[in-house]
PDB file of N, CA and C in Angstrom:
ATOM      1  N   LEU A   1      21.468 163.947  67.552  1.00  0.00           N
ATOM      2  CA  LEU A   1      22.327 165.073  67.217  1.00  0.00           C
ATOM      3  C   LEU A   1      21.654 166.047  66.264  1.00  0.00           C
ATOM      4  N   THR A   2      20.757 165.555  65.454  1.00  0.00           N
ATOM      5  CA  THR A   2      20.082 166.451  64.515  1.00  0.00           C
ATOM      6  C   THR A   2      19.040 167.318  65.210  1.00  0.00           C
ATOM      7  N   ALA A   3      18.573 166.889  66.369  1.00  0.00           N
ATOM      8  CA  ALA A   3      17.570 167.675  67.094  1.00  0.00           C
ATOM      9  C   ALA A   3      18.197 168.842  67.846  1.00  0.00           C
ATOM     10  N   TYR A   4      19.481 168.760  68.163  1.00  0.00           N
ATOM     11  CA  TYR A   4      20.103 169.805  68.982  1.00  0.00           C
ATOM     12  C   TYR A   4      20.067 171.186  68.324  1.00  0.00           C
ATOM     13  N   PRO A   5      20.420 171.331  67.047  1.00  0.00           N
ATOM     14  CA  PRO A   5      20.340 172.684  66.453  1.00  0.00           C
ATOM     15  C   PRO A   5      18.935 173.282  66.506  1.00  0.00           C
ATOM     16  N   LEU A   6      17.914 172.447  66.338  1.00  0.00           N
ATOM     17  CA  LEU A   6      16.545 172.951  66.429  1.00  0.00           C
ATOM     18  C   LEU A   6      16.216 173.379  67.853  1.00  0.00           C
ATOM     19  N   LEU A   7      16.609 172.557  68.820  1.00  0.00           N
ATOM     20  CA  LEU A   7      16.384 172.887  70.220  1.00  0.00           C
ATOM     21  C   LEU A   7      17.108 174.173  70.599  1.00  0.00           C
ATOM     22  N   ARG A   8      18.352 174.296  70.170  1.00  0.00           N
ATOM     23  CA  ARG A   8      19.143 175.490  70.479  1.00  0.00           C
ATOM     24  C   ARG A   8      18.496 176.734  69.877  1.00  0.00           C
ATOM     25  N   ARG A   9      18.051 176.619  68.638  1.00  0.00           N
ATOM     26  CA  ARG A   9      17.422 177.764  67.975  1.00  0.00           C
ATOM     27  C   ARG A   9      16.148 178.189  68.705  1.00  0.00           C
ATOM     28  N   LEU A  10      15.347 177.216  69.131  1.00  0.00           N
ATOM     29  CA  LEU A  10      14.118 177.540  69.874  1.00  0.00           C
ATOM     30  C   LEU A  10      14.434 178.250  71.193  1.00  0.00           C
ATOM     31  N   VAL A  11      15.417 177.735  71.929  1.00  0.00           N
ATOM     32  CA  VAL A  11      15.772 178.352  73.217  1.00  0.00           C
ATOM     33  C   VAL A  11      16.341 179.749  72.994  1.00  0.00           C
ATOM     34  N   LEU A  12      17.217 179.910  72.010  1.00  0.00           N
ATOM     35  CA  LEU A  12      17.805 181.229  71.747  1.00  0.00           C
ATOM     36  C   LEU A  12      16.757 182.239  71.306  1.00  0.00           C
ATOM     37  N   ASN A  13      15.814 181.808  70.480  1.00  0.00           N
ATOM     38  CA  ASN A  13      14.756 182.731  70.053  1.00  0.00           C
ATOM     39  C   ASN A  13      13.894 183.167  71.237  1.00  0.00           C
ATOM     40  N   ARG A  14      13.573 182.215  72.135  1.00  0.00           N
ATOM     41  CA  ARG A  14      12.783 182.566  73.312  1.00  0.00           C
ATOM     42  C   ARG A  14      13.549 183.503  74.232  1.00  0.00           C
ATOM     43  N   LEU A  15      14.832 183.214  74.444  1.00  0.00           N
ATOM     44  CA  LEU A  15      15.648 184.087  75.297  1.00  0.00           C
ATOM     45  C   LEU A  15      15.803 185.479  74.687  1.00  0.00           C
ATOM     46  N   ARG A  16      15.996 185.533  73.375  1.00  0.00           N
ATOM     47  CA  ARG A  16      16.142 186.824  72.703  1.00  0.00           C
ATOM     48  C   ARG A  16      14.868 187.651  72.834  1.00  0.00           C
ATOM     49  N   SER A  17      13.708 187.000  72.691  1.00  0.00           N
ATOM     50  CA  SER A  17      12.462 187.756  72.819  1.00  0.00           C
ATOM     51  C   SER A  17      12.246 188.199  74.262  1.00  0.00           C
ATOM     52  N   GLU A  18      12.619 187.367  75.249  1.00  0.00           N
ATOM     53  CA  GLU A  18      12.523 187.786  76.654  1.00  0.00           C
ATOM     54  C   GLU A  18      13.480 188.938  76.935  1.00  0.00           C
ATOM     55  N   TRP A  19      14.658 188.883  76.373  1.00  0.00           N
ATOM     56  CA  TRP A  19      15.675 189.926  76.597  1.00  0.00           C
ATOM     57  C   TRP A  19      15.179 191.252  76.038  1.00  0.00           C
ATOM     58  N   GLN A  20      14.667 191.220  74.814  1.00  0.00           N
ATOM     59  CA  GLN A  20      14.204 192.447  74.173  1.00  0.00           C
ATOM     60  C   GLN A  20      12.912 192.953  74.794  1.00  0.00           C
ATOM     61  N   GLY A  21      12.094 192.039  75.327  1.00  0.00           N
ATOM     62  CA  GLY A  21      10.839 192.441  75.946  1.00  0.00           C
ATOM     63  C   GLY A  21      10.986 192.905  77.379  1.00  0.00           C
ATOM     64  N   GLY A  22      12.192 192.849  77.904  1.00  0.00           N
ATOM     65  CA  GLY A  22      12.429 193.303  79.262  1.00  0.00           C
ATOM     66  C   GLY A  22      12.225 192.228  80.315  1.00  0.00           C
ATOM     67  N   GLY A  23      12.036 190.958  79.886  1.00  0.00           N
ATOM     68  CA  GLY A  23      11.840 189.882  80.838  1.00  0.00           C
ATOM     69  C   GLY A  23      13.115 189.505  81.576  1.00  0.00           C
ATOM     70  N   ILE A  24      14.256 189.673  80.930  1.00  0.00           N
ATOM     71  CA  ILE A  24      15.545 189.381  81.557  1.00  0.00           C
ATOM     72  C   ILE A  24      16.293 190.702  81.681  1.00  0.00           C
ATOM     73  N   PRO A  25      16.571 191.140  82.893  1.00  0.00           N
ATOM     74  CA  PRO A  25      17.337 192.384  83.043  1.00  0.00           C
ATOM     75  C   PRO A  25      18.746 192.228  82.472  1.00  0.00           C
ATOM     76  N   PRO A  26      19.270 193.262  81.819  1.00  0.00           N
ATOM     77  CA  PRO A  26      20.595 193.167  81.214  1.00  0.00           C
ATOM     78  C   PRO A  26      21.701 192.785  82.202  1.00  0.00           C
ATOM     79  N   GLN A  27      21.564 193.139  83.469  1.00  0.00           N
ATOM     80  CA  GLN A  27      22.611 192.819  84.435  1.00  0.00           C
ATOM     81  C   GLN A  27      22.466 191.403  84.992  1.00  0.00           C
ATOM     82  N   GLU A  28      21.430 190.691  84.617  1.00  0.00           N
ATOM     83  CA  GLU A  28      21.156 189.358  85.168  1.00  0.00           C
ATOM     84  C   GLU A  28      21.923 188.301  84.380  1.00  0.00           C
ATOM     85  N   ASP A  29      23.198 188.168  84.695  1.00  0.00           N
ATOM     86  CA  ASP A  29      24.065 187.219  84.016  1.00  0.00           C
ATOM     87  C   ASP A  29      23.793 185.791  84.457  1.00  0.00           C
ATOM     88  N   ALA A  30      23.322 185.585  85.680  1.00  0.00           N
ATOM     89  CA  ALA A  30      23.078 184.237  86.196  1.00  0.00           C
ATOM     90  C   ALA A  30      21.986 183.520  85.408  1.00  0.00           C
ATOM     91  N   VAL A  31      20.997 184.249  84.940  1.00  0.00           N
ATOM     92  CA  VAL A  31      19.920 183.642  84.165  1.00  0.00           C
ATOM     93  C   VAL A  31      20.466 183.115  82.838  1.00  0.00           C
ATOM     94  N   LEU A  32      21.254 183.931  82.162  1.00  0.00           N
ATOM     95  CA  LEU A  32      21.829 183.499  80.891  1.00  0.00           C
ATOM     96  C   LEU A  32      22.802 182.351  81.089  1.00  0.00           C
ATOM     97  N   PHE A  33      23.584 182.394  82.170  1.00  0.00           N
ATOM     98  CA  PHE A  33      24.548 181.326  82.422  1.00  0.00           C
ATOM     99  C   PHE A  33      23.837 180.004  82.680  1.00  0.00           C
ATOM    100  N   ARG A  34      22.719 180.042  83.368  1.00  0.00           N
ATOM    101  CA  ARG A  34      21.950 178.822  83.631  1.00  0.00           C
ATOM    102  C   ARG A  34      21.436 178.216  82.316  1.00  0.00           C
ATOM    103  N   HIS A  35      20.965 179.050  81.403  1.00  0.00           N
ATOM    104  CA  HIS A  35      20.502 178.556  80.106  1.00  0.00           C
ATOM    105  C   HIS A  35      21.672 178.033  79.272  1.00  0.00           C
ATOM    106  N   PHE A  36      22.807 178.704  79.349  1.00  0.00           N
ATOM    107  CA  PHE A  36      24.003 178.242  78.642  1.00  0.00           C
ATOM    108  C   PHE A  36      24.410 176.865  79.154  1.00  0.00           C
ATOM    109  N   GLN A  37      24.396 176.681  80.468  1.00  0.00           N
ATOM    110  CA  GLN A  37      24.744 175.385  81.049  1.00  0.00           C
ATOM    111  C   GLN A  37      23.782 174.297  80.581  1.00  0.00           C
ATOM    112  N   THR A  38      22.509 174.609  80.578  1.00  0.00           N
ATOM    113  CA  THR A  38      21.509 173.619  80.175  1.00  0.00           C
ATOM    114  C   THR A  38      21.711 173.203  78.725  1.00  0.00           C
ATOM    115  N   LEU A  39      21.912 174.162  77.837  1.00  0.00           N
ATOM    116  CA  LEU A  39      22.129 173.828  76.428  1.00  0.00           C
ATOM    117  C   LEU A  39      23.419 173.042  76.231  1.00  0.00           C
ATOM    118  N   THR A  40      24.458 173.393  76.971  1.00  0.00           N
ATOM    119  CA  THR A  40      25.727 172.678  76.856  1.00  0.00           C
ATOM    120  C   THR A  40      25.574 171.235  77.313  1.00  0.00           C
ATOM    121  N   ILE A  41      24.897 171.030  78.428  1.00  0.00           N
ATOM    122  CA  ILE A  41      24.694 169.680  78.948  1.00  0.00           C
ATOM    123  C   ILE A  41      23.829 168.856  77.993  1.00  0.00           C
ATOM    124  N   LEU A  42      22.766 169.447  77.462  1.00  0.00           N
ATOM    125  CA  LEU A  42      21.896 168.722  76.530  1.00  0.00           C
ATOM    126  C   LEU A  42      22.643 168.317  75.261  1.00  0.00           C
ATOM    127  N   GLY A  43      23.406 169.228  74.703  1.00  0.00           N
ATOM    128  CA  GLY A  43      24.160 168.912  73.491  1.00  0.00           C
ATOM    129  C   GLY A  43      25.193 167.827  73.728  1.00  0.00           C
ATOM    130  N   ALA A  44      25.913 167.931  74.825  1.00  0.00           N
ATOM    131  CA  ALA A  44      26.919 166.913  75.138  1.00  0.00           C
ATOM    132  C   ALA A  44      26.262 165.565  75.409  1.00  0.00           C
ATOM    133  N   ALA A  45      25.116 165.558  76.073  1.00  0.00           N
ATOM    134  CA  ALA A  45      24.417 164.299  76.348  1.00  0.00           C
ATOM    135  C   ALA A  45      23.926 163.649  75.061  1.00  0.00           C
ATOM    136  N   MET A  46      23.442 164.453  74.129  1.00  0.00           N
ATOM    137  CA  MET A  46      23.005 163.894  72.846  1.00  0.00           C
ATOM    138  C   MET A  46      24.182 163.294  72.089  1.00  0.00           C
ATOM    139  N   ALA A  47      25.313 163.987  72.081  1.00  0.00           N
ATOM    140  CA  ALA A  47      26.506 163.463  71.410  1.00  0.00           C
ATOM    141  C   ALA A  47      27.020 162.218  72.127  1.00  0.00           C
ATOM    142  N   GLU A  48      26.937 162.211  73.445  1.00  0.00           N
ATOM    143  CA  GLU A  48      27.392 161.050  74.206  1.00  0.00           C
ATOM    144  C   GLU A  48      26.534 159.823  73.902  1.00  0.00           C
ATOM    145  N   GLY A  49      25.237 160.016  73.815  1.00  0.00           N
ATOM    146  CA  GLY A  49      24.348 158.902  73.488  1.00  0.00           C
ATOM    147  C   GLY A  49      24.660 158.311  72.123  1.00  0.00           C
ATOM    148  N   PHE A  50      24.889 159.161  71.144  1.00  0.00           N
ATOM    149  CA  PHE A  50      25.251 158.712  69.804  1.00  0.00           C
ATOM    150  C   PHE A  50      26.568 157.946  69.843  1.00  0.00           C
ATOM    151  N   SER A  51      27.548 158.469  70.565  1.00  0.00           N
ATOM    152  CA  SER A  51      28.860 157.815  70.654  1.00  0.00           C
ATOM    153  C   SER A  51      28.763 156.477  71.357  1.00  0.00           C
ATOM    154  N   LEU A  52      28.014 156.438  72.444  1.00  0.00           N
ATOM    155  CA  LEU A  52      27.871 155.189  73.191  1.00  0.00           C
ATOM    156  C   LEU A  52      27.191 154.127  72.343  1.00  0.00           C
ATOM    157  N   PHE A  53      26.169 154.508  71.612  1.00  0.00           N
ATOM    158  CA  PHE A  53      25.491 153.553  70.736  1.00  0.00           C
ATOM    159  C   PHE A  53      26.458 153.024  69.677  1.00  0.00           C
ATOM    160  N   ALA A  54      27.245 153.915  69.082  1.00  0.00           N
ATOM    161  CA  ALA A  54      28.207 153.491  68.065  1.00  0.00           C
ATOM    162  C   ALA A  54      29.274 152.571  68.667  1.00  0.00           C
ATOM    163  N   ILE A  55      29.705 152.846  69.886  1.00  0.00           N
ATOM    164  CA  ILE A  55      30.706 151.994  70.537  1.00  0.00           C
ATOM    165  C   ILE A  55      30.121 150.614  70.827  1.00  0.00           C
ATOM    166  N   VAL A  56      28.870 150.553  71.246  1.00  0.00           N
ATOM    167  CA  VAL A  56      28.228 149.258  71.466  1.00  0.00           C
ATOM    168  C   VAL A  56      28.128 148.486  70.152  1.00  0.00           C
ATOM    169  N   VAL A  57      27.794 149.172  69.075  1.00  0.00           N
ATOM    170  CA  VAL A  57      27.730 148.514  67.763  1.00  0.00           C
ATOM    171  C   VAL A  57      29.110 147.990  67.380  1.00  0.00           C
ATOM    172  N   VAL A  58      30.161 148.748  67.657  1.00  0.00           N
ATOM    173  CA  VAL A  58      31.520 148.284  67.376  1.00  0.00           C
ATOM    174  C   VAL A  58      31.821 147.028  68.186  1.00  0.00           C
ATOM    175  N   LEU A  59      31.464 147.024  69.458  1.00  0.00           N
ATOM    176  CA  LEU A  59      31.744 145.868  70.304  1.00  0.00           C
ATOM    177  C   LEU A  59      30.956 144.629  69.879  1.00  0.00           C
ATOM    178  N   VAL A  60      29.753 144.823  69.365  1.00  0.00           N
ATOM    179  CA  VAL A  60      28.925 143.686  68.970  1.00  0.00           C
ATOM    180  C   VAL A  60      29.281 143.184  67.580  1.00  0.00           C
ATOM    181  N   THR A  61      29.503 144.106  66.642  1.00  0.00           N
ATOM    182  CA  THR A  61      29.682 143.702  65.246  1.00  0.00           C
ATOM    183  C   THR A  61      31.101 143.839  64.721  1.00  0.00           C
ATOM    184  N   ALA A  62      31.928 144.660  65.364  1.00  0.00           N
ATOM    185  CA  ALA A  62      33.294 144.952  64.905  1.00  0.00           C
ATOM    186  C   ALA A  62      33.290 145.557  63.497  1.00  0.00           C
ATOM    187  N   HIS A  63      32.256 146.292  63.183  1.00  0.00           N
ATOM    188  CA  HIS A  63      32.154 146.920  61.858  1.00  0.00           C
ATOM    189  C   HIS A  63      32.962 148.223  61.845  1.00  0.00           C
ATOM    190  N   PRO A  64      33.821 148.423  60.830  1.00  0.00           N
ATOM    191  CA  PRO A  64      34.658 149.632  60.804  1.00  0.00           C
ATOM    192  C   PRO A  64      33.867 150.935  60.670  1.00  0.00           C
ATOM    193  N   ALA A  65      32.730 150.898  60.010  1.00  0.00           N
ATOM    194  CA  ALA A  65      31.939 152.130  59.863  1.00  0.00           C
ATOM    195  C   ALA A  65      31.410 152.585  61.216  1.00  0.00           C
ATOM    196  N   ALA A  66      31.075 151.639  62.082  1.00  0.00           N
ATOM    197  CA  ALA A  66      30.610 152.000  63.416  1.00  0.00           C
ATOM    198  C   ALA A  66      31.732 152.630  64.220  1.00  0.00           C
ATOM    199  N   LEU A  67      32.952 152.187  63.994  1.00  0.00           N
ATOM    200  CA  LEU A  67      34.098 152.787  64.666  1.00  0.00           C
ATOM    201  C   LEU A  67      34.276 154.237  64.226  1.00  0.00           C
ATOM    202  N   LEU A  68      34.056 154.491  62.956  1.00  0.00           N
ATOM    203  CA  LEU A  68      34.117 155.866  62.451  1.00  0.00           C
ATOM    204  C   LEU A  68      33.014 156.718  63.086  1.00  0.00           C
ATOM    205  N   CYS A  69      31.810 156.157  63.220  1.00  0.00           N
ATOM    206  CA  CYS A  69      30.712 156.884  63.870  1.00  0.00           C
ATOM    207  C   CYS A  69      31.042 157.198  65.325  1.00  0.00           C
ATOM    208  N   ALA A  70      31.676 156.248  66.011  1.00  0.00           N
ATOM    209  CA  ALA A  70      32.070 156.486  67.400  1.00  0.00           C
ATOM    210  C   ALA A  70      33.088 157.619  67.478  1.00  0.00           C
ATOM    211  N   ALA A  71      34.030 157.647  66.554  1.00  0.00           N
ATOM    212  CA  ALA A  71      35.037 158.721  66.544  1.00  0.00           C
ATOM    213  C   ALA A  71      34.386 160.075  66.273  1.00  0.00           C
ATOM    214  N   VAL A  72      33.452 160.117  65.344  1.00  0.00           N
ATOM    215  CA  VAL A  72      32.749 161.373  65.044  1.00  0.00           C
ATOM    216  C   VAL A  72      31.956 161.831  66.267  1.00  0.00           C
ATOM    217  N   GLY A  73      31.308 160.898  66.943  1.00  0.00           N
ATOM    218  CA  GLY A  73      30.557 161.242  68.146  1.00  0.00           C
ATOM    219  C   GLY A  73      31.455 161.787  69.243  1.00  0.00           C
ATOM    220  N   LEU A  74      32.614 161.173  69.435  1.00  0.00           N
ATOM    221  CA  LEU A  74      33.538 161.658  70.464  1.00  0.00           C
ATOM    222  C   LEU A  74      34.092 163.038  70.116  1.00  0.00           C
ATOM    223  N   LEU A  75      34.355 163.280  68.839  1.00  0.00           N
ATOM    224  CA  LEU A  75      34.793 164.617  68.433  1.00  0.00           C
ATOM    225  C   LEU A  75      33.679 165.646  68.626  1.00  0.00           C
ATOM    226  N   THR A  76      32.451 165.221  68.426  1.00  0.00           N
ATOM    227  CA  THR A  76      31.313 166.115  68.625  1.00  0.00           C
ATOM    228  C   THR A  76      31.168 166.496  70.095  1.00  0.00           C
ATOM    229  N   ILE A  77      31.435 165.546  70.988  1.00  0.00           N
ATOM    230  CA  ILE A  77      31.378 165.853  72.417  1.00  0.00           C
ATOM    231  C   ILE A  77      32.356 166.974  72.750  1.00  0.00           C
ATOM    232  N   SER A  78      33.540 166.952  72.147  1.00  0.00           N
ATOM    233  CA  SER A  78      34.534 167.989  72.443  1.00  0.00           C
ATOM    234  C   SER A  78      34.054 169.374  72.000  1.00  0.00           C
ATOM    235  N   ARG A  79      33.141 169.421  71.054  1.00  0.00           N
ATOM    236  CA  ARG A  79      32.587 170.703  70.600  1.00  0.00           C
ATOM    237  C   ARG A  79      31.778 171.386  71.703  1.00  0.00           C
ATOM    238  N   PHE A  80      31.233 170.600  72.608  1.00  0.00           N
ATOM    239  CA  PHE A  80      30.366 171.141  73.655  1.00  0.00           C
ATOM    240  C   PHE A  80      31.113 171.499  74.931  1.00  0.00           C
ATOM    241  N   PHE A  81      32.431 171.426  74.918  1.00  0.00           N
ATOM    242  CA  PHE A  81      33.189 171.778  76.108  1.00  0.00           C
ATOM    243  C   PHE A  81      32.994 173.265  76.389  1.00  0.00           C
ATOM    244  N   PRO A  82      32.515 173.631  77.598  1.00  0.00           N
ATOM    245  CA  PRO A  82      32.223 175.042  77.873  1.00  0.00           C
ATOM    246  C   PRO A  82      33.499 175.864  78.041  1.00  0.00           C
ATOM    247  N   THR A  83      33.551 176.966  77.332  1.00  0.00           N
ATOM    248  CA  THR A  83      34.681 177.886  77.427  1.00  0.00           C
ATOM    249  C   THR A  83      34.140 179.302  77.612  1.00  0.00           C
ATOM    250  N   PRO A  84      34.975 180.211  78.108  1.00  0.00           N
ATOM    251  CA  PRO A  84      34.525 181.608  78.212  1.00  0.00           C
ATOM    252  C   PRO A  84      34.142 182.198  76.849  1.00  0.00           C
ATOM    253  N   ALA A  85      34.851 181.798  75.809  1.00  0.00           N
ATOM    254  CA  ALA A  85      34.527 182.312  74.473  1.00  0.00           C
ATOM    255  C   ALA A  85      33.159 181.813  74.013  1.00  0.00           C
ATOM    256  N   ALA A  86      32.848 180.558  74.313  1.00  0.00           N
ATOM    257  CA  ALA A  86      31.541 180.014  73.932  1.00  0.00           C
ATOM    258  C   ALA A  86      30.426 180.732  74.689  1.00  0.00           C
ATOM    259  N   TYR A  87      30.651 181.013  75.967  1.00  0.00           N
ATOM    260  CA  TYR A  87      29.650 181.741  76.744  1.00  0.00           C
ATOM    261  C   TYR A  87      29.507 183.170  76.216  1.00  0.00           C
ATOM    262  N   GLY A  88      30.610 183.781  75.822  1.00  0.00           N
ATOM    263  CA  GLY A  88      30.552 185.121  75.243  1.00  0.00           C
ATOM    264  C   GLY A  88      29.735 185.151  73.966  1.00  0.00           C
ATOM    265  N   ARG A  89      29.932 184.149  73.114  1.00  0.00           N
ATOM    266  CA  ARG A  89      29.141 184.065  71.876  1.00  0.00           C
ATOM    267  C   ARG A  89      27.664 183.849  72.195  1.00  0.00           C
ATOM    268  N   PHE A  90      27.395 183.052  73.217  1.00  0.00           N
ATOM    269  CA  PHE A  90      26.009 182.796  73.612  1.00  0.00           C
ATOM    270  C   PHE A  90      25.332 184.079  74.076  1.00  0.00           C
ATOM    271  N   THR A  91      25.986 184.817  74.978  1.00  0.00           N
ATOM    272  CA  THR A  91      25.380 186.057  75.478  1.00  0.00           C
ATOM    273  C   THR A  91      25.255 187.096  74.369  1.00  0.00           C
ATOM    274  N   GLU A  92      26.209 187.113  73.464  1.00  0.00           N
ATOM    275  CA  GLU A  92      26.133 188.046  72.333  1.00  0.00           C
ATOM    276  C   GLU A  92      24.950 187.697  71.434  1.00  0.00           C
ATOM    277  N   THR A  93      24.721 186.414  71.238  1.00  0.00           N
ATOM    278  CA  THR A  93      23.600 185.983  70.414  1.00  0.00           C
ATOM    279  C   THR A  93      22.268 186.372  71.052  1.00  0.00           C
ATOM    280  N   VAL A  94      22.173 186.193  72.359  1.00  0.00           N
ATOM    281  CA  VAL A  94      20.911 186.509  73.054  1.00  0.00           C
ATOM    282  C   VAL A  94      20.687 188.014  73.121  1.00  0.00           C
ATOM    283  N   SER A  95      21.714 188.753  73.541  1.00  0.00           N
ATOM    284  CA  SER A  95      21.523 190.190  73.785  1.00  0.00           C
ATOM    285  C   SER A  95      21.730 191.044  72.550  1.00  0.00           C
ATOM    286  N   GLY A  96      22.477 190.540  71.596  1.00  0.00           N
ATOM    287  CA  GLY A  96      22.776 191.339  70.417  1.00  0.00           C
ATOM    288  C   GLY A  96      23.910 192.324  70.644  1.00  0.00           C
ATOM    289  N   ASN A  97      24.467 192.340  71.859  1.00  0.00           N
ATOM    290  CA  ASN A  97      25.593 193.236  72.185  1.00  0.00           C
ATOM    291  C   ASN A  97      26.882 192.445  72.251  1.00  0.00           C
ATOM    292  N   PRO A  98      27.944 192.937  71.608  1.00  0.00           N
ATOM    293  CA  PRO A  98      29.221 192.251  71.740  1.00  0.00           C
ATOM    294  C   PRO A  98      29.690 192.266  73.185  1.00  0.00           C
ATOM    295  N   SER A  99      30.153 191.106  73.663  1.00  0.00           N
ATOM    296  CA  SER A  99      30.628 191.031  75.050  1.00  0.00           C
ATOM    297  C   SER A  99      32.051 191.567  75.151  1.00  0.00           C
ATOM    298  N   PRO A 100      32.400 192.127  76.313  1.00  0.00           N
ATOM    299  CA  PRO A 100      33.742 192.713  76.460  1.00  0.00           C
ATOM    300  C   PRO A 100      34.811 191.658  76.523  1.00  0.00           C
TER     301      PRO A 100
END
């Protein structure tokens, strides 16, 4: 989970430089949507792995702290649920233009 913000920042910086350099045409929404999907899937998969590991620890040890970690992981997964607002923020971050 700690690697995701770094990964996201690297991808956004690369996309922003491609956007400003003319590599991605402004009307090419499919390219941005594909990158948004990839980042969403990667973030959710990282949170899922953390949650699954914590759930296995709960099943093996019955430790209450592991149960708390599993709950935090499951709440983190809900953060990655794709919404139109999240996609709007993503495109705004890449292009620098507020989305309609």
